[in-house]
Protein backbone atom coordinates (compact mmCIF):
# COMPACT_ATOMS: atom_id res chain seq x y z
CA MET A 1 203.43 7.39 -12.13
CA SER A 2 202.54 8.34 -8.48
CA SER A 3 203.43 6.00 -5.66
CA ALA A 4 203.91 5.81 -1.97
CA THR A 5 206.22 3.16 -0.73
CA ILE A 6 206.03 1.90 2.86
CA THR A 7 209.49 0.66 3.93
CA LEU A 8 210.91 0.63 7.42
CA GLU A 9 214.01 2.63 7.94
CA GLY A 10 216.57 0.32 9.32
CA GLY A 11 214.55 -2.61 8.03
CA ASP A 12 217.63 -4.80 7.56
CA GLN A 13 218.49 -4.45 11.23
CA LEU A 14 214.90 -4.98 12.29
CA ALA A 15 214.64 -8.06 10.10
CA ALA A 16 217.78 -9.52 11.74
CA ALA A 17 216.40 -8.74 15.22
CA LEU A 18 213.05 -10.30 14.24
CA ARG A 19 214.85 -13.46 13.10
CA ALA A 20 216.03 -13.88 16.65
CA TYR A 21 212.38 -13.88 17.78
CA GLY A 22 211.30 -16.28 15.10
CA ALA A 23 209.26 -16.33 11.89
CA GLN A 24 206.07 -15.32 13.74
CA ALA A 25 207.59 -12.00 14.61
CA GLN A 26 208.39 -11.27 10.90
CA LYS A 27 204.72 -12.14 10.09
CA TYR A 28 203.45 -9.62 12.68
CA VAL A 29 205.51 -6.83 11.13
CA ASP A 30 204.50 -7.93 7.53
CA ASP A 31 200.92 -7.87 8.59
CA ALA A 32 201.28 -4.24 9.88
CA VAL A 33 202.83 -3.18 6.69
CA ASN A 34 200.12 -4.95 4.58
CA ALA A 35 197.34 -3.50 6.69
CA THR A 36 198.63 -0.01 6.34
CA GLY A 37 199.24 -0.28 2.61
CA LEU A 38 195.80 -1.55 1.99
CA GLU A 39 194.30 1.09 4.19
CA LEU A 40 196.34 3.83 2.49
CA ARG A 41 195.10 2.58 -0.97
CA GLY A 42 191.49 2.75 0.29
CA ASP A 43 191.89 6.18 1.76
CA ILE A 44 193.29 7.64 -1.47
CA VAL A 45 190.46 6.11 -3.49
CA LYS A 46 187.91 7.53 -1.00
CA ARG A 47 189.54 10.98 -1.25
CA TYR A 48 189.01 10.88 -5.04
CA GLN A 49 185.51 9.60 -4.91
CA ARG A 50 184.12 11.42 -1.87
CA GLY A 51 186.22 14.52 -1.49
CA PRO A 52 184.65 18.03 -1.76
CA ALA A 53 184.17 19.24 -5.26
CA SER A 54 183.79 22.96 -5.08
CA GLY A 55 185.46 24.07 -8.24
CA ARG A 56 184.18 24.93 -11.64
CA THR A 57 180.98 23.08 -12.95
CA TYR A 58 180.95 22.39 -16.67
CA GLU A 59 179.37 20.10 -19.29
CA LYS A 60 181.44 17.17 -20.61
CA TYR A 61 180.75 15.04 -23.68
CA ASN A 62 181.13 11.38 -24.64
CA PRO A 63 179.30 10.50 -22.61
CA ARG A 64 177.34 13.77 -21.92
CA ARG A 65 177.39 14.72 -18.29
CA THR A 66 177.94 17.62 -15.87
CA HIS A 67 181.04 17.58 -13.86
CA THR A 68 182.12 19.65 -10.87
CA ALA A 69 185.87 19.79 -10.65
CA SER A 70 187.83 20.01 -7.40
CA ALA A 71 189.19 23.48 -6.39
CA PRO A 72 192.95 23.97 -5.82
CA GLY A 73 193.95 22.21 -2.56
CA GLU A 74 191.14 19.72 -2.78
CA ALA A 75 191.61 16.04 -3.78
CA PRO A 76 190.73 15.56 -7.42
CA ALA A 77 187.02 15.08 -8.00
CA THR A 78 186.28 11.85 -9.82
CA ASP A 79 184.70 12.11 -13.18
CA THR A 80 185.03 8.79 -15.02
CA GLY A 81 186.47 6.76 -12.04
CA ARG A 82 189.64 6.03 -14.03
CA LEU A 83 191.93 7.74 -11.60
CA ALA A 84 190.43 6.04 -8.47
CA SER A 85 190.48 2.68 -10.15
CA SER A 86 194.08 3.02 -11.14
CA VAL A 87 195.39 3.18 -7.46
CA ASN A 88 196.93 -0.26 -6.72
CA PHE A 89 198.68 -1.97 -3.88
CA LYS A 90 201.77 -4.21 -4.40
CA ARG A 91 203.80 -6.10 -1.86
CA GLU A 92 207.48 -5.32 -2.53
CA GLY A 93 208.99 -7.97 -0.17
CA ALA A 94 209.55 -8.37 3.51
CA MET A 95 208.30 -5.26 5.33
CA SER A 96 207.79 -3.22 2.18
CA ALA A 97 204.72 -2.40 0.08
CA THR A 98 203.81 0.24 -2.48
CA VAL A 99 200.62 2.07 -3.24
CA GLY A 100 200.77 3.56 -6.75
CA SER A 101 199.05 4.58 -9.92
CA GLU A 102 200.35 4.12 -13.46
CA ILE A 103 198.32 7.11 -14.69
CA VAL A 104 200.71 10.02 -15.39
CA TYR A 105 198.11 12.70 -14.53
CA ALA A 106 197.84 11.37 -10.96
CA ALA A 107 201.26 12.99 -10.20
CA MET A 108 200.31 16.15 -12.16
CA LEU A 109 197.14 16.56 -10.10
CA GLU A 110 198.82 15.83 -6.77
CA PHE A 111 201.72 18.20 -7.12
CA GLY A 112 200.42 20.57 -9.80
CA THR A 113 201.96 21.82 -13.06
CA ALA A 114 202.70 25.30 -14.54
CA ARG A 115 199.01 25.43 -15.49
CA ILE A 116 197.23 23.37 -12.67
CA ALA A 117 197.35 24.10 -8.96
CA PRO A 118 197.96 21.06 -6.73
CA ARG A 119 195.04 18.88 -5.80
CA PRO A 120 196.60 16.62 -3.12
CA ALA A 121 195.16 13.24 -2.06
CA TRP A 122 198.31 11.15 -1.65
CA VAL A 123 200.29 13.34 0.69
CA PRO A 124 197.37 14.01 3.07
CA ALA A 125 196.52 10.23 3.07
CA VAL A 126 200.10 9.32 3.95
CA GLU A 127 200.19 11.93 6.77
CA ALA A 128 196.84 10.72 8.19
CA ILE A 129 197.95 7.05 8.20
CA ARG A 130 201.42 7.61 9.71
CA PRO A 131 200.22 7.51 13.46
CA LYS A 132 198.27 4.27 12.70
CA TYR A 133 201.29 2.67 11.09
CA ILE A 134 203.41 3.44 14.06
CA LYS A 135 200.82 2.06 16.43
CA ARG A 136 200.57 -1.15 14.28
CA LEU A 137 204.32 -1.60 14.27
CA GLU A 138 204.51 -1.00 18.00
CA ALA A 139 201.76 -3.61 18.59
CA ALA A 140 203.54 -6.02 16.19
CA LEU A 141 206.79 -5.69 18.14
CA ARG A 142 205.05 -6.07 21.41
CA LYS A 143 203.47 -9.32 20.18
CA ALA A 144 206.82 -10.49 18.84
CA ALA A 145 208.82 -9.82 21.98
CA PRO A 146 209.48 -13.06 24.06
């Protein structure tokens, strides 16, 4: 299983501080976590579906089709759509969400194996969204401040 969990460091202390501002403050932060998790899921799916595929081209069967694989270092190129459709978003609780996939080969493609070079999609997506997440949290805290 592959997953990325968005959890605030010091979340317990932040939750306590937000309670002092009221329930609306908690909602602002929850909204920032939700928006980031949903956007992260969408970005990973797009990387699978639209990323460059400059690897080997070969014939596949059942159903018969031509597939161009991703090259090492590129996000996995979609073939059947199973990998992209397996990426899910789940709220874990206050200020926490997980984007994951139950498909074992998602992690194998992301990090590589002894026989397959890494084809990262998750790590670059997390790195790309990090600045947006920080901005969303800052905006939520500004809105929450009395």
